[in-house]
Every structure is written in structure tokens, then in C-alpha cells.
Amino acid sequence: EHALGRAAEEAVEQARAHIAELIGAEPREIVLTSGATEANNLAIKGAARFAAQQGSDRRRILTLATEHKCVLESVRDLAAEGFEPVVLPVGPDGLLDPAALEAALAAAPTLLVSVMAVNNEIGVIQDLAAIGAAAKRHGALFHTDAAQAAGRIPLDVGAGGADLGSLSGH
């Protein structure tokens, strides 16, 4: 009998179901990590390395200057593996200029766009639906660090166009 193990597994599956319901995902799409830093690293580096293993020639990764340190470091670390990190500026209001995103996406084939949903320092809420749509138009994956958004603003990974998202229990 492994009653304790089965009870623990059931608790994890219930947690997956609750998280999935919160963000409009399927429970099978939820991967539990130790926190948002690990989730961001796994999403960004995992997507890049998987694409490279599959033979993709896309090596460009776009992010914002105002992203959390763990996102900026993950993107920059991938330069050592032949990826091209591009850090876009934000406007005085902290928002990504849609025209700047379009220009960056049009400049070269892009693998991944990573943009924080709600900034942890200045509280800016990015337009995830527009960013996700732009990424899709150019064949790029879209990742959002939604650690500061979960439970505070509505999140729907399908409507927002996110392929990958990072949350935190805090």
C-alpha cells in the first residue's frame, strides 16, 4: 500500500487543476516548479534548446529592458549557445511600443518573445493579447512571466496567445 504517495499525488493533481482553471489552461499543461525563477528559466531556456535540437534556424529572442532579472539573465545566457538576445526598451509609461515590437519581429526570424504581464516594480500591465498576436504573426513563441498577475488580473493563456507562462504561489 502506498496510501501516502497516492494522497500526495491526488493533492498535486488537484493543485494542477486549480491553477489550470485560474489561467484558462488544461491541467496536463501545468508543470510545477520551485518558484517563478525556475519556471522562467525552464520556459525560456527549454524552448530555445528544444527548438535548436529540432533543427530550427530561429535564434532570436526578444524581451524587455524592464523584465525581471531572471528573465534577462536567461535570455543573455543563451547568447553563449548561439542565440541572439534582443532587449527592447519601453516607453516612459513602462509599456512596450507595439511598433517597436513589430519592427523587431520583422527584422529577423524570431524564436521567442518574453514579456512580463505585470511589472513587479512599477505595476505596468502589458497588453498580452496584442503582444501574443504579434508574436504569432511572425511565427514566434510567446512567453509571459505572470507571477505578479496571477490572482490579481484575469489571465487566459488562450486569449492572450501565450505558449508558455510562469506563475508563482506568492
Protein backbone atom coordinates (compact mmCIF):
# COMPACT_ATOMS: atom_id res chain seq x y z
CA GLU A 1 0.00 0.00 0.00
CA HIS A 2 1.23 3.43 -0.92
CA ALA A 3 -1.66 5.40 0.53
CA LEU A 4 0.50 8.39 1.44
CA GLY A 5 2.00 8.50 -2.04
CA ARG A 6 -1.42 8.30 -3.68
CA ALA A 7 -2.74 11.05 -1.39
CA ALA A 8 0.22 13.27 -2.29
CA GLU A 9 -0.32 12.59 -6.00
CA GLU A 10 -4.01 13.47 -5.66
CA ALA A 11 -3.13 16.75 -3.91
CA VAL A 12 -0.71 17.67 -6.71
CA GLU A 13 -3.30 16.86 -9.38
CA GLN A 14 -5.91 18.98 -7.58
CA ALA A 15 -3.42 21.86 -7.44
CA ARG A 16 -2.75 21.47 -11.18
CA ALA A 17 -6.48 21.60 -11.86
CA HIS A 18 -6.92 24.76 -9.76
CA ILE A 19 -4.01 26.51 -11.48
CA ALA A 20 -5.29 25.49 -14.91
CA GLU A 21 -8.73 26.88 -14.09
CA LEU A 22 -7.16 30.17 -12.92
CA ILE A 23 -5.40 30.76 -16.26
CA GLY A 24 -7.61 29.00 -18.80
CA ALA A 25 -5.30 26.05 -19.38
CA GLU A 26 -5.58 22.28 -19.23
CA PRO A 27 -4.22 20.54 -16.10
CA ARG A 28 -1.82 18.49 -18.25
CA GLU A 29 -0.21 21.77 -19.38
CA ILE A 30 0.82 22.74 -15.85
CA VAL A 31 4.40 21.98 -14.78
CA LEU A 32 5.10 22.64 -11.12
CA THR A 33 8.47 24.13 -10.17
CA SER A 34 10.05 25.54 -7.03
CA GLY A 35 9.09 29.10 -8.00
CA ALA A 36 8.88 31.73 -10.72
CA THR A 37 12.65 31.97 -11.27
CA GLU A 38 12.88 28.28 -12.06
CA ALA A 39 9.72 28.47 -14.18
CA ASN A 40 11.12 31.39 -16.22
CA ASN A 41 14.44 29.61 -16.75
CA LEU A 42 12.69 26.40 -17.76
CA ALA A 43 10.36 28.17 -20.18
CA ILE A 44 12.95 30.37 -21.89
CA LYS A 45 15.94 28.06 -21.97
CA GLY A 46 13.81 24.98 -22.51
CA ALA A 47 12.02 26.46 -25.53
CA ALA A 48 15.29 27.69 -27.04
CA ARG A 49 17.16 24.44 -26.54
CA PHE A 50 14.25 22.33 -27.78
CA ALA A 51 13.96 24.44 -30.93
CA ALA A 52 17.69 24.11 -31.56
CA GLN A 53 17.53 20.33 -31.09
CA GLN A 54 14.67 20.19 -33.59
CA GLY A 55 16.83 21.98 -36.17
CA SER A 56 15.13 25.38 -36.06
CA ASP A 57 17.23 28.16 -37.52
CA ARG A 58 15.41 30.74 -35.39
CA ARG A 59 17.87 32.07 -32.84
CA ARG A 60 16.44 35.48 -31.93
CA ILE A 61 14.86 36.02 -28.51
CA LEU A 62 13.11 39.30 -27.70
CA THR A 63 12.46 40.65 -24.23
CA LEU A 64 12.10 44.00 -22.48
CA ALA A 65 14.59 46.09 -20.52
CA THR A 66 12.17 46.11 -17.57
CA GLU A 67 11.90 42.33 -17.23
CA HIS A 68 12.75 40.54 -14.01
CA LYS A 69 16.46 39.81 -13.61
CA CYS A 70 15.96 36.07 -14.03
CA VAL A 71 14.36 36.59 -17.46
CA LEU A 72 17.08 38.98 -18.62
CA GLU A 73 19.80 36.61 -17.42
CA SER A 74 18.15 33.58 -19.05
CA VAL A 75 17.94 35.39 -22.37
CA ARG A 76 21.50 36.70 -22.12
CA ASP A 77 22.86 33.27 -21.08
CA LEU A 78 21.55 31.80 -24.33
CA ALA A 79 23.95 34.00 -26.33
CA ALA A 80 26.71 31.53 -25.37
CA GLU A 81 24.68 28.86 -27.17
CA GLY A 82 24.35 30.84 -30.40
CA PHE A 83 21.10 32.64 -29.70
CA GLU A 84 20.64 36.36 -30.31
CA PRO A 85 19.24 38.20 -27.30
CA VAL A 86 17.41 41.43 -28.15
CA VAL A 87 16.36 43.65 -25.24
CA LEU A 88 13.73 46.18 -26.32
CA PRO A 89 13.20 49.47 -24.49
CA VAL A 90 9.89 50.55 -23.03
CA GLY A 91 8.31 53.99 -23.19
CA PRO A 92 8.19 56.49 -20.33
CA ASP A 93 4.94 54.82 -19.27
CA GLY A 94 6.72 51.46 -18.96
CA LEU A 95 4.78 49.93 -21.85
CA LEU A 96 6.17 48.16 -24.88
CA ASP A 97 5.61 50.19 -28.06
CA PRO A 98 3.71 47.89 -30.46
CA ALA A 99 5.54 49.43 -33.44
CA ALA A 100 8.91 48.64 -31.85
CA LEU A 101 7.84 45.04 -31.31
CA GLU A 102 6.63 44.73 -34.91
CA ALA A 103 9.89 46.20 -36.22
CA ALA A 104 11.98 43.83 -34.10
CA LEU A 105 9.91 40.83 -35.18
CA ALA A 106 10.16 41.84 -38.85
CA ALA A 107 13.93 42.39 -38.69
CA ALA A 108 14.81 38.69 -38.39
CA PRO A 109 13.09 35.36 -37.75
CA THR A 110 12.36 35.27 -34.02
CA LEU A 111 12.06 32.17 -31.88
CA LEU A 112 10.65 33.63 -28.67
CA VAL A 113 9.17 36.81 -27.23
CA SER A 114 9.20 37.02 -23.42
CA VAL A 115 7.23 39.84 -21.78
CA MET A 116 6.15 40.18 -18.15
CA ALA A 117 2.38 40.51 -17.67
CA VAL A 118 2.55 42.87 -14.68
CA ASN A 119 5.81 44.53 -13.72
CA ASN A 120 6.85 43.72 -10.16
CA GLU A 121 8.42 47.15 -9.57
CA ILE A 122 6.26 49.70 -11.40
CA GLY A 123 2.97 47.83 -11.75
CA VAL A 124 2.64 48.33 -15.52
CA ILE A 125 0.25 45.87 -17.18
CA GLN A 126 1.37 44.93 -20.69
CA ASP A 127 -1.14 44.17 -23.47
CA LEU A 128 -0.57 40.42 -23.61
CA ALA A 129 -3.18 39.78 -26.29
CA ALA A 130 -1.56 42.26 -28.69
CA ILE A 131 1.96 41.02 -27.92
CA GLY A 132 0.90 37.39 -28.35
CA ALA A 133 -0.85 38.17 -31.63
CA ALA A 134 2.25 39.96 -32.97
CA ALA A 135 4.46 37.04 -31.99
CA LYS A 136 2.12 34.60 -33.73
CA ARG A 137 2.00 36.70 -36.93
CA HIS A 138 5.76 36.32 -37.14
CA GLY A 139 5.90 32.64 -36.18
CA ALA A 140 7.44 33.24 -32.74
CA LEU A 141 6.56 31.62 -29.44
CA PHE A 142 5.27 33.88 -26.67
CA HIS A 143 6.24 33.52 -23.01
CA THR A 144 4.87 35.66 -20.20
CA ASP A 145 6.10 35.92 -16.65
CA ALA A 146 2.74 36.28 -14.91
CA ALA A 147 4.00 35.89 -11.34
CA GLN A 148 2.66 39.32 -10.35
CA ALA A 149 -0.56 38.92 -12.34
CA ALA A 150 -1.98 35.62 -11.13
CA GLY A 151 -4.98 36.16 -8.90
CA ARG A 152 -4.89 39.93 -9.43
CA ILE A 153 -5.91 40.37 -13.06
CA PRO A 154 -7.77 37.93 -15.31
CA LEU A 155 -5.40 35.57 -17.10
CA ASP A 156 -6.40 33.42 -20.03
CA VAL A 157 -3.47 31.81 -21.78
CA GLY A 158 -5.59 31.03 -24.82
CA ALA A 159 -6.94 34.55 -25.26
CA GLY A 160 -3.54 36.09 -24.50
CA GLY A 161 -1.77 33.93 -27.03
CA ALA A 162 0.83 32.71 -24.53
CA ASP A 163 2.57 29.46 -25.41
CA LEU A 164 4.44 29.47 -22.11
CA GLY A 165 3.67 31.18 -18.84
CA SER A 166 5.32 31.39 -15.44
CA LEU A 167 3.37 31.84 -12.20
CA SER A 168 4.23 31.91 -8.54
CA GLY A 169 2.33 30.83 -5.47
CA HIS A 170 3.03 34.13 -3.71
